[in-house]
Amino acid sequence: MTAQEHSPGLMVQGFTAPLRLKDFKLIAFDMDSTLISIECIDEIADAVGRKAEVAAITEAAMRGEITDFKDSLRRRLALLKGVTLADMERVYTERLRINPGAAELIAACHKVGMKVLLVSGGFTFFADRVKARLSIDFARANQLDIAGGELTGGLVMQSWGDICDGAEKRRTLLEVASLLGIKPHECIAMGDGANDLPMMAAAGLSVAYHAKPKVREQAMVAIQQGGLDRLLEVLKP
């Protein structure tokens, strides 16, 4: 597809007909580096002096250079053993920031009757709080295993499984849509990394936000400058 610059830092490709926000009924967001400014797992690793090692794996996974997200996550989790809940709390209070335009875009979606889903390869410790802060309707993320106030390096099995990878993100989007009586073409999926591509491909509109090159190339809308609410320049309410 040939991309055209809609305005500085905003690329549109793959569709020509004007679309409106109210044409959609569900929007799904990735969390780390999309709704929030950090990769939580990298910042958690900093607490035990392993940020560089973990961040290198994260970057390779998000760029699509490591194709097995589950394996990459397990490798990173093993390096987090011994991180305390106090360390996690500091990451949340001192480092996690909501990205610009997130609240505005979500408010605009709710205003036209859309539902909002957060689906993350990150962790419920952060996702549940972000969900509450931004008035998000649904959230799915991985649950860290904790014993004696410290991370064990593993995850807790949930009703849907233990690791929310790209395939699970896609399945979650389609499952939530189906339960709400929403068709896939009425969904928007927004992310930045390679593990977001399956859900982006399943949605009627795919949006890359400050994304890795592989993701930017495949998305119908790519926001490369500014906040999340720049989507409203493409989709008028």
Protein backbone atom coordinates (compact mmCIF):
# COMPACT_ATOMS: atom_id res chain seq x y z
CA MET A 1 0.00 0.00 0.00
CA THR A 2 1.15 3.52 -0.73
CA ALA A 3 1.00 5.78 2.29
CA GLN A 4 -0.01 9.40 2.05
CA GLU A 5 0.80 11.99 4.67
CA HIS A 6 -2.51 13.27 6.00
CA SER A 7 -0.72 16.03 7.92
CA PRO A 8 2.77 16.17 9.46
CA GLY A 9 3.46 12.94 11.32
CA LEU A 10 0.13 11.34 10.38
CA MET A 11 0.14 8.73 7.60
CA VAL A 12 -2.98 7.19 6.05
CA GLN A 13 -3.00 4.22 3.67
CA GLY A 14 -5.37 1.51 2.50
CA PHE A 15 -8.61 3.47 2.42
CA THR A 16 -9.98 6.55 0.70
CA ALA A 17 -13.61 6.83 1.81
CA PRO A 18 -14.10 9.27 4.69
CA LEU A 19 -14.71 7.42 7.95
CA ARG A 20 -16.33 8.71 11.10
CA LEU A 21 -15.70 7.62 14.67
CA LYS A 22 -19.36 6.72 15.03
CA ASP A 23 -18.93 4.15 12.24
CA PHE A 24 -17.11 2.01 14.84
CA LYS A 25 -18.34 0.35 18.02
CA LEU A 26 -15.20 -0.97 19.76
CA ILE A 27 -11.62 0.28 20.06
CA ALA A 28 -8.82 -1.93 21.39
CA PHE A 29 -5.58 -0.46 22.73
CA ASP A 30 -2.24 -2.00 23.52
CA MET A 31 -0.93 -0.59 26.80
CA ASP A 32 2.88 -0.36 27.01
CA SER A 33 4.25 2.37 24.71
CA THR A 34 0.72 2.97 23.38
CA LEU A 35 -1.60 4.07 26.17
CA ILE A 36 1.35 4.62 28.52
CA SER A 37 4.82 6.01 27.96
CA ILE A 38 6.91 3.08 29.22
CA GLU A 39 7.51 -0.62 28.75
CA CYS A 40 6.65 -1.72 32.31
CA ILE A 41 8.74 -4.88 32.20
CA ASP A 42 11.88 -2.90 31.35
CA GLU A 43 11.31 -0.49 34.24
CA ILE A 44 10.60 -3.36 36.67
CA ALA A 45 13.89 -4.95 35.60
CA ASP A 46 15.70 -1.73 36.48
CA ALA A 47 14.91 -2.45 40.13
CA VAL A 48 17.21 -5.49 40.03
CA GLY A 49 19.84 -3.97 37.76
CA ARG A 50 18.75 -5.89 34.67
CA LYS A 51 17.06 -3.21 32.57
CA ALA A 52 19.53 -3.28 29.68
CA GLU A 53 19.28 -7.06 29.35
CA VAL A 54 15.48 -7.12 29.52
CA ALA A 55 15.02 -4.04 27.33
CA ALA A 56 17.12 -5.60 24.56
CA ILE A 57 14.78 -8.61 24.47
CA THR A 58 11.70 -6.36 24.59
CA GLU A 59 12.95 -4.25 21.70
CA ALA A 60 13.72 -7.31 19.56
CA ALA A 61 10.26 -8.77 20.29
CA MET A 62 8.46 -5.52 19.49
CA ARG A 63 10.38 -5.12 16.24
CA GLY A 64 9.37 -8.64 15.24
CA GLU A 65 12.94 -9.94 15.35
CA ILE A 66 11.96 -12.45 18.04
CA THR A 67 8.85 -14.15 16.69
CA ASP A 68 7.95 -16.23 19.77
CA PHE A 69 6.54 -13.62 22.14
CA LYS A 70 5.74 -16.22 24.82
CA ASP A 71 9.35 -17.42 24.89
CA SER A 72 10.67 -13.86 24.99
CA LEU A 73 8.34 -12.99 27.87
CA ARG A 74 9.31 -16.07 29.87
CA ARG A 75 12.99 -15.21 29.38
CA ARG A 76 12.38 -11.68 30.66
CA LEU A 77 10.19 -12.80 33.56
CA ALA A 78 12.90 -15.14 34.82
CA LEU A 79 15.16 -12.10 35.17
CA LEU A 80 12.59 -10.36 37.38
CA LYS A 81 12.67 -12.92 40.18
CA GLY A 82 13.07 -11.14 43.50
CA VAL A 83 11.55 -7.81 42.45
CA THR A 84 9.36 -6.61 45.32
CA LEU A 85 5.86 -5.17 45.33
CA ALA A 86 7.42 -1.95 46.63
CA ASP A 87 9.62 -1.87 43.51
CA MET A 88 6.51 -2.33 41.36
CA GLU A 89 4.71 0.45 43.19
CA ARG A 90 7.61 2.81 42.53
CA VAL A 91 7.48 2.01 38.80
CA TYR A 92 3.79 2.89 38.80
CA THR A 93 4.05 6.11 40.79
CA GLU A 94 7.40 7.44 39.54
CA ARG A 95 7.70 6.24 35.94
CA LEU A 96 4.35 5.32 34.41
CA ARG A 97 2.73 8.19 32.55
CA ILE A 98 -0.43 8.16 30.43
CA ASN A 99 0.47 9.13 26.87
CA PRO A 100 -0.79 12.46 25.50
CA GLY A 101 -4.25 12.36 23.99
CA ALA A 102 -5.25 9.03 25.54
CA ALA A 103 -7.94 10.46 27.80
CA GLU A 104 -9.25 12.72 25.03
CA LEU A 105 -9.50 9.91 22.47
CA ILE A 106 -11.18 7.54 24.91
CA ALA A 107 -13.66 10.24 25.94
CA ALA A 108 -14.49 10.88 22.27
CA CYS A 109 -15.04 7.14 21.72
CA HIS A 110 -17.35 6.89 24.71
CA LYS A 111 -19.24 9.97 23.57
CA VAL A 112 -20.29 8.24 20.33
CA GLY A 113 -21.24 5.06 22.20
CA MET A 114 -18.11 2.98 21.59
CA LYS A 115 -16.72 0.46 24.06
CA VAL A 116 -13.02 0.52 24.95
CA LEU A 117 -10.75 -2.49 25.46
CA LEU A 118 -7.21 -2.59 26.84
CA VAL A 119 -5.41 -5.78 25.81
CA SER A 120 -1.80 -6.08 26.89
CA GLY A 121 1.17 -8.39 26.93
CA GLY A 122 2.04 -6.49 30.11
CA PHE A 123 0.73 -6.98 33.60
CA THR A 124 -2.55 -6.64 35.51
CA PHE A 125 -0.70 -4.76 38.29
CA PHE A 126 -0.52 -1.81 35.89
CA ALA A 127 -3.33 -2.57 33.43
CA ASP A 128 -6.06 -2.63 36.07
CA ARG A 129 -4.99 0.81 37.33
CA VAL A 130 -4.74 2.27 33.83
CA LYS A 131 -8.20 0.84 33.10
CA ALA A 132 -9.63 2.64 36.13
CA ARG A 133 -7.79 5.92 35.44
CA LEU A 134 -8.99 6.12 31.84
CA SER A 135 -12.52 4.70 32.40
CA ILE A 136 -11.79 1.77 30.07
CA ASP A 137 -14.55 -0.82 29.80
CA PHE A 138 -12.56 -4.07 29.53
CA ALA A 139 -8.97 -5.16 30.13
CA ARG A 140 -6.90 -8.31 29.67
CA ALA A 141 -3.25 -8.67 30.69
CA ASN A 142 -0.85 -11.14 32.27
CA GLN A 143 -0.91 -11.70 36.04
CA LEU A 144 2.46 -11.83 37.76
CA ASP A 145 3.00 -14.64 40.27
CA ILE A 146 3.90 -13.18 43.66
CA ALA A 147 5.05 -15.01 46.80
CA GLY A 148 6.15 -13.36 50.03
CA GLY A 149 5.83 -9.93 48.47
CA GLU A 150 8.26 -10.76 45.64
CA LEU A 151 7.94 -11.81 42.01
CA THR A 152 8.65 -15.50 41.44
CA GLY A 153 9.55 -15.02 37.79
CA GLY A 154 6.36 -16.71 36.64
CA LEU A 155 2.74 -15.94 35.75
CA VAL A 156 -0.62 -16.99 37.17
CA MET A 157 -2.87 -19.10 34.94
CA GLN A 158 -6.12 -17.23 34.20
CA SER A 159 -9.39 -18.52 32.70
CA TRP A 160 -8.18 -17.71 29.17
CA GLY A 161 -4.55 -18.83 29.62
CA ASP A 162 -1.33 -17.49 31.10
CA ILE A 163 0.30 -15.34 28.40
CA CYS A 164 -1.43 -12.65 26.38
CA ASP A 165 0.59 -12.77 23.15
CA GLY A 166 -0.35 -11.59 19.67
CA ALA A 167 -2.72 -14.49 19.04
CA GLU A 168 -4.46 -13.92 22.37
CA LYS A 169 -4.79 -10.19 21.67
CA ARG A 170 -6.54 -11.02 18.40
CA ARG A 171 -8.75 -13.61 20.08
CA THR A 172 -9.66 -11.18 22.87
CA LEU A 173 -10.65 -8.44 20.42
CA LEU A 174 -12.87 -10.82 18.46
CA GLU A 175 -14.30 -12.41 21.62
CA VAL A 176 -15.28 -9.08 23.19
CA ALA A 177 -16.70 -7.87 19.89
CA SER A 178 -18.74 -11.06 19.48
CA LEU A 179 -20.12 -10.84 23.03
CA LEU A 180 -21.23 -7.27 22.32
CA GLY A 181 -22.73 -8.13 18.91
CA ILE A 182 -20.05 -6.10 17.12
CA LYS A 183 -18.62 -7.10 13.73
CA PRO A 184 -14.82 -7.10 13.21
CA HIS A 185 -15.10 -4.31 10.63
CA GLU A 186 -16.67 -2.13 13.34
CA CYS A 187 -13.51 -2.43 15.48
CA ILE A 188 -10.38 -0.27 15.71
CA ALA A 189 -7.12 -1.76 17.00
CA MET A 190 -4.23 0.46 18.07
CA GLY A 191 -0.69 -0.61 18.97
CA ASP A 192 3.04 -0.12 18.49
CA GLY A 193 4.72 -3.54 18.47
CA ALA A 194 4.81 -6.72 16.40
CA ASN A 195 2.60 -8.58 18.88
CA ASP A 196 -0.17 -6.06 18.10
CA LEU A 197 -0.27 -6.98 14.40
CA PRO A 198 -2.66 -9.96 14.71
CA MET A 199 -5.38 -7.88 16.41
CA MET A 200 -4.71 -4.96 14.08
CA ALA A 201 -5.19 -7.25 11.08
CA ALA A 202 -8.51 -8.50 12.48
CA ALA A 203 -9.97 -5.01 12.97
CA GLY A 204 -11.71 -2.80 10.46
CA LEU A 205 -9.19 -0.04 11.12
CA SER A 206 -5.60 -0.56 12.26
CA VAL A 207 -3.67 2.29 13.88
CA ALA A 208 0.06 2.39 14.64
CA TYR A 209 1.14 4.78 17.38
CA HIS A 210 4.82 5.83 17.43
CA ALA A 211 5.32 2.28 16.25
CA LYS A 212 8.10 -0.01 15.12
CA PRO A 213 8.71 0.13 11.34
CA LYS A 214 7.11 -3.27 10.67
CA VAL A 215 3.92 -2.15 12.42
CA ARG A 216 3.85 1.28 10.83
CA GLU A 217 4.13 -0.21 7.35
CA GLN A 218 1.14 -2.53 7.86
CA ALA A 219 -1.21 -0.11 9.62
CA MET A 220 -3.94 1.85 7.85
CA VAL A 221 -3.19 4.90 10.00
CA ALA A 222 0.22 5.69 11.49
CA ILE A 223 0.61 8.42 14.09
CA GLN A 224 4.30 9.31 14.19
CA GLN A 225 4.10 12.69 15.92
CA GLY A 226 1.82 13.99 18.65
CA GLY A 227 -0.75 12.27 20.84
CA LEU A 228 -3.22 9.43 20.50
CA ASP A 229 -6.03 11.88 19.88
CA ARG A 230 -4.54 12.66 16.45
CA LEU A 231 -6.70 9.75 15.29
CA LEU A 232 -9.57 12.24 15.54
CA GLU A 233 -8.02 14.11 12.60
CA VAL A 234 -8.76 11.03 10.49
CA LEU A 235 -12.00 9.94 12.16
CA LYS A 236 -14.21 12.92 12.84
CA PRO A 237 -16.63 12.27 15.69
